[in-house]
């Protein structure tokens, strides 16, 4: 174990030194390439700014409107039939739209129900197995200027729903294995 620690002390300085040698003796102008990439990155940032603003405003309006408990009340029988804990509904609803809002909701779920509960384990699996699909689709399609998304959104939402359903099943199986 000591030898690994000693080797690890030299790895980062060696990598930095190697990169410096490549930049100094390389035939390409790496700094110009870096500047070109930074310039394109700034252009892309300005291109997606309107979409980002629209997403942030819409998620904020949704969270402030108070409609989530109403939707949750009407969908809880369906979630119960599918054996998905209804306490996960805010996370399930926010996860496709916003990473930060879903992380805040996830933290609230863990604080309220605990990480070792069925709800906590389901929430953890949902967070690990799903993505902010609407956010990703909006950013990707607005950056590439694609207007006809075809089946991308319905399929992505179906996969997100499948992740939620599967997380509930996997979590129940996992807990049954632990306590049997």
C-alpha atoms as a PDB file:
ATOM      1  CA  UNK A   1       0.000   0.000   0.000  1.00  0.00           C
ATOM      2  CA  UNK A   2       2.904   2.341   0.724  1.00  0.00           C
ATOM      3  CA  UNK A   3       4.240   1.943  -2.775  1.00  0.00           C
ATOM      4  CA  UNK A   4       0.898   3.011  -4.261  1.00  0.00           C
ATOM      5  CA  UNK A   5       0.921   6.157  -2.102  1.00  0.00           C
ATOM      6  CA  UNK A   6       4.466   7.006  -3.213  1.00  0.00           C
ATOM      7  CA  UNK A   7       3.631   6.448  -6.876  1.00  0.00           C
ATOM      8  CA  UNK A   8       0.478   8.563  -6.592  1.00  0.00           C
ATOM      9  CA  UNK A   9       2.545  11.509  -5.339  1.00  0.00           C
ATOM     10  CA  UNK A  10       4.425  11.593  -8.642  1.00  0.00           C
ATOM     11  CA  UNK A  11       1.607  10.907 -11.111  1.00  0.00           C
ATOM     12  CA  UNK A  12       0.045  14.400 -11.216  1.00  0.00           C
ATOM     13  CA  UNK A  13       3.357  16.306 -11.563  1.00  0.00           C
ATOM     14  CA  UNK A  14       4.430  13.888 -14.309  1.00  0.00           C
ATOM     15  CA  UNK A  15       1.158  14.405 -16.202  1.00  0.00           C
ATOM     16  CA  UNK A  16       1.480  18.201 -15.923  1.00  0.00           C
ATOM     17  CA  UNK A  17       5.105  18.036 -17.083  1.00  0.00           C
ATOM     18  CA  UNK A  18       4.156  15.776 -20.002  1.00  0.00           C
ATOM     19  CA  UNK A  19       1.370  18.152 -21.093  1.00  0.00           C
ATOM     20  CA  UNK A  20       3.788  21.097 -20.900  1.00  0.00           C
ATOM     21  CA  UNK A  21       6.305  19.256 -23.107  1.00  0.00           C
ATOM     22  CA  UNK A  22       3.593  18.380 -25.651  1.00  0.00           C
ATOM     23  CA  UNK A  23       2.420  21.990 -25.778  1.00  0.00           C
ATOM     24  CA  UNK A  24       5.946  23.403 -26.018  1.00  0.00           C
ATOM     25  CA  UNK A  25       7.257  21.004 -28.677  1.00  0.00           C
ATOM     26  CA  UNK A  26       3.999  20.342 -30.495  1.00  0.00           C
ATOM     27  CA  UNK A  27       3.560  21.521 -34.068  1.00  0.00           C
ATOM     28  CA  UNK A  28       0.009  22.718 -33.486  1.00  0.00           C
ATOM     29  CA  UNK A  29      -0.794  25.924 -31.713  1.00  0.00           C
ATOM     30  CA  UNK A  30      -2.691  24.531 -28.732  1.00  0.00           C
ATOM     31  CA  UNK A  31      -3.395  27.947 -27.306  1.00  0.00           C
ATOM     32  CA  UNK A  32      -5.069  29.041 -30.540  1.00  0.00           C
ATOM     33  CA  UNK A  33      -7.121  25.839 -30.507  1.00  0.00           C
ATOM     34  CA  UNK A  34      -8.117  26.588 -26.929  1.00  0.00           C
ATOM     35  CA  UNK A  35      -9.160  30.125 -27.864  1.00  0.00           C
ATOM     36  CA  UNK A  36     -11.173  28.850 -30.830  1.00  0.00           C
ATOM     37  CA  UNK A  37     -12.948  26.355 -28.590  1.00  0.00           C
ATOM     38  CA  UNK A  38     -13.657  29.005 -25.970  1.00  0.00           C
ATOM     39  CA  UNK A  39     -15.056  31.309 -28.659  1.00  0.00           C
ATOM     40  CA  UNK A  40     -17.368  28.558 -29.934  1.00  0.00           C
ATOM     41  CA  UNK A  41     -18.403  27.771 -26.349  1.00  0.00           C
ATOM     42  CA  UNK A  42     -19.425  31.374 -25.759  1.00  0.00           C
ATOM     43  CA  UNK A  43     -21.429  31.384 -28.999  1.00  0.00           C
ATOM     44  CA  UNK A  44     -23.194  28.184 -27.913  1.00  0.00           C
ATOM     45  CA  UNK A  45     -23.921  29.685 -24.499  1.00  0.00           C
ATOM     46  CA  UNK A  46     -25.633  32.669 -26.074  1.00  0.00           C
ATOM     47  CA  UNK A  47     -27.542  30.388 -28.442  1.00  0.00           C
ATOM     48  CA  UNK A  48     -29.060  28.330 -25.617  1.00  0.00           C
ATOM     49  CA  UNK A  49     -29.709  31.277 -23.276  1.00  0.00           C
ATOM     50  CA  UNK A  50     -33.354  31.823 -24.353  1.00  0.00           C
ATOM     51  CA  UNK A  51     -34.135  28.130 -23.884  1.00  0.00           C
ATOM     52  CA  UNK A  52     -32.471  28.133 -20.456  1.00  0.00           C
ATOM     53  CA  UNK A  53     -34.486  31.171 -19.400  1.00  0.00           C
ATOM     54  CA  UNK A  54     -37.738  29.580 -20.582  1.00  0.00           C
ATOM     55  CA  UNK A  55     -37.004  26.355 -18.678  1.00  0.00           C
ATOM     56  CA  UNK A  56     -36.028  28.157 -15.477  1.00  0.00           C
ATOM     57  CA  UNK A  57     -39.115  30.368 -15.576  1.00  0.00           C
ATOM     58  CA  UNK A  58     -41.465  27.469 -16.326  1.00  0.00           C
ATOM     59  CA  UNK A  59     -40.062  25.253 -13.527  1.00  0.00           C
ATOM     60  CA  UNK A  60     -40.197  28.185 -11.093  1.00  0.00           C
ATOM     61  CA  UNK A  61     -43.794  28.932 -12.059  1.00  0.00           C
ATOM     62  CA  UNK A  62     -44.744  25.286 -11.639  1.00  0.00           C
ATOM     63  CA  UNK A  63     -43.140  25.056  -8.198  1.00  0.00           C
ATOM     64  CA  UNK A  64     -44.714  28.325  -7.068  1.00  0.00           C
ATOM     65  CA  UNK A  65     -48.190  27.593  -8.421  1.00  0.00           C
ATOM     66  CA  UNK A  66     -49.003  24.906  -5.879  1.00  0.00           C
ATOM     67  CA  UNK A  67     -50.527  22.632  -8.506  1.00  0.00           C
ATOM     68  CA  UNK A  68     -48.221  19.705  -7.688  1.00  0.00           C
ATOM     69  CA  UNK A  69     -50.284  18.520  -4.659  1.00  0.00           C
ATOM     70  CA  UNK A  70     -53.457  18.660  -6.753  1.00  0.00           C
ATOM     71  CA  UNK A  71     -51.917  16.579  -9.546  1.00  0.00           C
ATOM     72  CA  UNK A  72     -50.456  14.212  -6.966  1.00  0.00           C
ATOM     73  CA  UNK A  73     -53.887  13.708  -5.372  1.00  0.00           C
ATOM     74  CA  UNK A  74     -55.465  12.656  -8.664  1.00  0.00           C
ATOM     75  CA  UNK A  75     -52.583  10.449  -9.812  1.00  0.00           C
ATOM     76  CA  UNK A  76     -52.011   8.655  -6.487  1.00  0.00           C
ATOM     77  CA  UNK A  77     -54.484   5.826  -7.321  1.00  0.00           C
ATOM     78  CA  UNK A  78     -52.591   5.122 -10.540  1.00  0.00           C
ATOM     79  CA  UNK A  79     -49.250   5.207  -8.710  1.00  0.00           C
ATOM     80  CA  UNK A  80     -50.689   2.917  -6.029  1.00  0.00           C
ATOM     81  CA  UNK A  81     -51.846   0.440  -8.669  1.00  0.00           C
ATOM     82  CA  UNK A  82     -48.345   0.414 -10.162  1.00  0.00           C
ATOM     83  CA  UNK A  83     -46.840  -0.022  -6.652  1.00  0.00           C
ATOM     84  CA  UNK A  84     -44.979   3.292  -6.910  1.00  0.00           C
ATOM     85  CA  UNK A  85     -44.956   5.148  -3.582  1.00  0.00           C
ATOM     86  CA  UNK A  86     -47.004   8.326  -3.970  1.00  0.00           C
ATOM     87  CA  UNK A  87     -44.428  10.213  -1.878  1.00  0.00           C
ATOM     88  CA  UNK A  88     -42.113  10.018  -4.889  1.00  0.00           C
ATOM     89  CA  UNK A  89     -44.501  11.941  -7.141  1.00  0.00           C
ATOM     90  CA  UNK A  90     -42.806  15.357  -6.710  1.00  0.00           C
ATOM     91  CA  UNK A  91     -39.464  13.803  -7.630  1.00  0.00           C
ATOM     92  CA  UNK A  92     -40.962  11.908 -10.567  1.00  0.00           C
ATOM     93  CA  UNK A  93     -42.592  15.091 -11.814  1.00  0.00           C
ATOM     94  CA  UNK A  94     -39.546  17.360 -11.459  1.00  0.00           C
ATOM     95  CA  UNK A  95     -36.768  14.986 -12.538  1.00  0.00           C
ATOM     96  CA  UNK A  96     -37.305  15.361 -16.310  1.00  0.00           C
ATOM     97  CA  UNK A  97     -37.291  19.164 -16.073  1.00  0.00           C
ATOM     98  CA  UNK A  98     -34.716  20.314 -13.564  1.00  0.00           C
ATOM     99  CA  UNK A  99     -31.689  18.732 -11.992  1.00  0.00           C
ATOM    100  CA  UNK A 100     -31.408  21.219  -9.143  1.00  0.00           C
ATOM    101  CA  UNK A 101     -35.116  21.077  -8.274  1.00  0.00           C
ATOM    102  CA  UNK A 102     -35.045  17.277  -8.329  1.00  0.00           C
ATOM    103  CA  UNK A 103     -31.946  17.214  -6.113  1.00  0.00           C
ATOM    104  CA  UNK A 104     -33.669  19.492  -3.600  1.00  0.00           C
ATOM    105  CA  UNK A 105     -36.757  17.267  -3.685  1.00  0.00           C
ATOM    106  CA  UNK A 106     -34.568  14.177  -3.335  1.00  0.00           C
ATOM    107  CA  UNK A 107     -32.842  15.649  -0.279  1.00  0.00           C
ATOM    108  CA  UNK A 108     -36.225  16.413   1.247  1.00  0.00           C
ATOM    109  CA  UNK A 109     -37.360  12.827   0.661  1.00  0.00           C
ATOM    110  CA  UNK A 110     -34.219  11.446   2.291  1.00  0.00           C
ATOM    111  CA  UNK A 111     -34.586  13.761   5.287  1.00  0.00           C
ATOM    112  CA  UNK A 112     -38.252  12.896   5.773  1.00  0.00           C
ATOM    113  CA  UNK A 113     -38.238   9.133   5.113  1.00  0.00           C
ATOM    114  CA  UNK A 114     -34.582   8.178   5.540  1.00  0.00           C
ATOM    115  CA  UNK A 115     -32.167   6.670   3.039  1.00  0.00           C
ATOM    116  CA  UNK A 116     -32.837   3.083   4.167  1.00  0.00           C
ATOM    117  CA  UNK A 117     -36.602   3.199   3.686  1.00  0.00           C
ATOM    118  CA  UNK A 118     -38.383   1.925   0.584  1.00  0.00           C
ATOM    119  CA  UNK A 119     -39.121   5.510  -0.457  1.00  0.00           C
ATOM    120  CA  UNK A 120     -35.506   6.589   0.096  1.00  0.00           C
ATOM    121  CA  UNK A 121     -34.123   3.660  -1.875  1.00  0.00           C
ATOM    122  CA  UNK A 122     -36.644   4.215  -4.706  1.00  0.00           C
ATOM    123  CA  UNK A 123     -35.735   7.907  -4.824  1.00  0.00           C
ATOM    124  CA  UNK A 124     -32.033   7.025  -4.948  1.00  0.00           C
ATOM    125  CA  UNK A 125     -32.544   4.602  -7.819  1.00  0.00           C
ATOM    126  CA  UNK A 126     -34.679   7.158  -9.694  1.00  0.00           C
ATOM    127  CA  UNK A 127     -31.999   9.804  -9.307  1.00  0.00           C
ATOM    128  CA  UNK A 128     -29.302   7.399 -10.485  1.00  0.00           C
ATOM    129  CA  UNK A 129     -31.194   5.879 -13.403  1.00  0.00           C
ATOM    130  CA  UNK A 130     -33.004   8.844 -14.925  1.00  0.00           C
ATOM    131  CA  UNK A 131     -32.001  12.167 -16.373  1.00  0.00           C
ATOM    132  CA  UNK A 132     -33.396  15.617 -16.938  1.00  0.00           C
ATOM    133  CA  UNK A 133     -34.705  14.551 -20.336  1.00  0.00           C
ATOM    134  CA  UNK A 134     -36.746  17.624 -21.179  1.00  0.00           C
ATOM    135  CA  UNK A 135     -33.829  19.850 -20.231  1.00  0.00           C
ATOM    136  CA  UNK A 136     -31.404  17.777 -22.309  1.00  0.00           C
ATOM    137  CA  UNK A 137     -33.749  17.643 -25.311  1.00  0.00           C
ATOM    138  CA  UNK A 138     -34.368  21.390 -25.162  1.00  0.00           C
ATOM    139  CA  UNK A 139     -30.663  22.187 -24.912  1.00  0.00           C
ATOM    140  CA  UNK A 140     -29.594  19.732 -27.591  1.00  0.00           C
ATOM    141  CA  UNK A 141     -32.266  20.617 -30.112  1.00  0.00           C
ATOM    142  CA  UNK A 142     -31.934  24.365 -29.557  1.00  0.00           C
ATOM    143  CA  UNK A 143     -28.145  24.188 -29.962  1.00  0.00           C
ATOM    144  CA  UNK A 144     -28.333  22.110 -33.131  1.00  0.00           C
ATOM    145  CA  UNK A 145     -31.314  24.136 -34.400  1.00  0.00           C
ATOM    146  CA  UNK A 146     -33.450  21.022 -34.930  1.00  0.00           C
ATOM    147  CA  UNK A 147     -37.132  21.976 -34.956  1.00  0.00           C
ATOM    148  CA  UNK A 148     -38.803  18.620 -35.672  1.00  0.00           C
ATOM    149  CA  UNK A 149     -37.995  16.398 -32.717  1.00  0.00           C
ATOM    150  CA  UNK A 150     -40.160  13.523 -33.943  1.00  0.00           C
ATOM    151  CA  UNK A 151     -40.325  10.811 -31.311  1.00  0.00           C
ATOM    152  CA  UNK A 152     -37.452  11.969 -29.087  1.00  0.00           C
ATOM    153  CA  UNK A 153     -39.603  13.475 -26.329  1.00  0.00           C
ATOM    154  CA  UNK A 154     -42.256  10.711 -26.069  1.00  0.00           C
ATOM    155  CA  UNK A 155     -39.606   7.999 -26.030  1.00  0.00           C
ATOM    156  CA  UNK A 156     -37.481   9.865 -23.478  1.00  0.00           C
ATOM    157  CA  UNK A 157     -40.502  10.371 -21.213  1.00  0.00           C
ATOM    158  CA  UNK A 158     -41.464   6.699 -21.598  1.00  0.00           C
ATOM    159  CA  UNK A 159     -37.944   5.660 -20.605  1.00  0.00           C
ATOM    160  CA  UNK A 160     -38.106   8.006 -17.593  1.00  0.00           C
ATOM    161  CA  UNK A 161     -41.419   6.465 -16.544  1.00  0.00           C
ATOM    162  CA  UNK A 162     -39.940   3.004 -17.050  1.00  0.00           C
ATOM    163  CA  UNK A 163     -37.018   4.003 -14.778  1.00  0.00           C
ATOM    164  CA  UNK A 164     -39.497   5.033 -12.076  1.00  0.00           C
ATOM    165  CA  UNK A 165     -41.473   1.808 -12.402  1.00  0.00           C
ATOM    166  CA  UNK A 166     -38.355  -0.340 -12.442  1.00  0.00           C
ATOM    167  CA  UNK A 167     -36.854   1.545  -9.483  1.00  0.00           C
ATOM    168  CA  UNK A 168     -39.896   0.675  -7.418  1.00  0.00           C
ATOM    169  CA  UNK A 169     -39.655  -2.993  -8.370  1.00  0.00           C
ATOM    170  CA  UNK A 170     -35.892  -3.215  -7.838  1.00  0.00           C
ATOM    171  CA  UNK A 171     -36.116  -1.420  -4.490  1.00  0.00           C
ATOM    172  CA  UNK A 172     -38.821  -3.776  -3.224  1.00  0.00           C
ATOM    173  CA  UNK A 173     -36.789  -6.810  -4.317  1.00  0.00           C
ATOM    174  CA  UNK A 174     -33.666  -5.367  -2.686  1.00  0.00           C
ATOM    175  CA  UNK A 175     -35.444  -4.707   0.610  1.00  0.00           C
ATOM    176  CA  UNK A 176     -37.030  -8.178   0.568  1.00  0.00           C
ATOM    177  CA  UNK A 177     -33.581  -9.705   0.064  1.00  0.00           C
ATOM    178  CA  UNK A 178     -32.204  -7.732   2.999  1.00  0.00           C
ATOM    179  CA  UNK A 179     -34.918  -8.679   5.439  1.00  0.00           C
ATOM    180  CA  UNK A 180     -35.429 -12.333   4.459  1.00  0.00           C
END
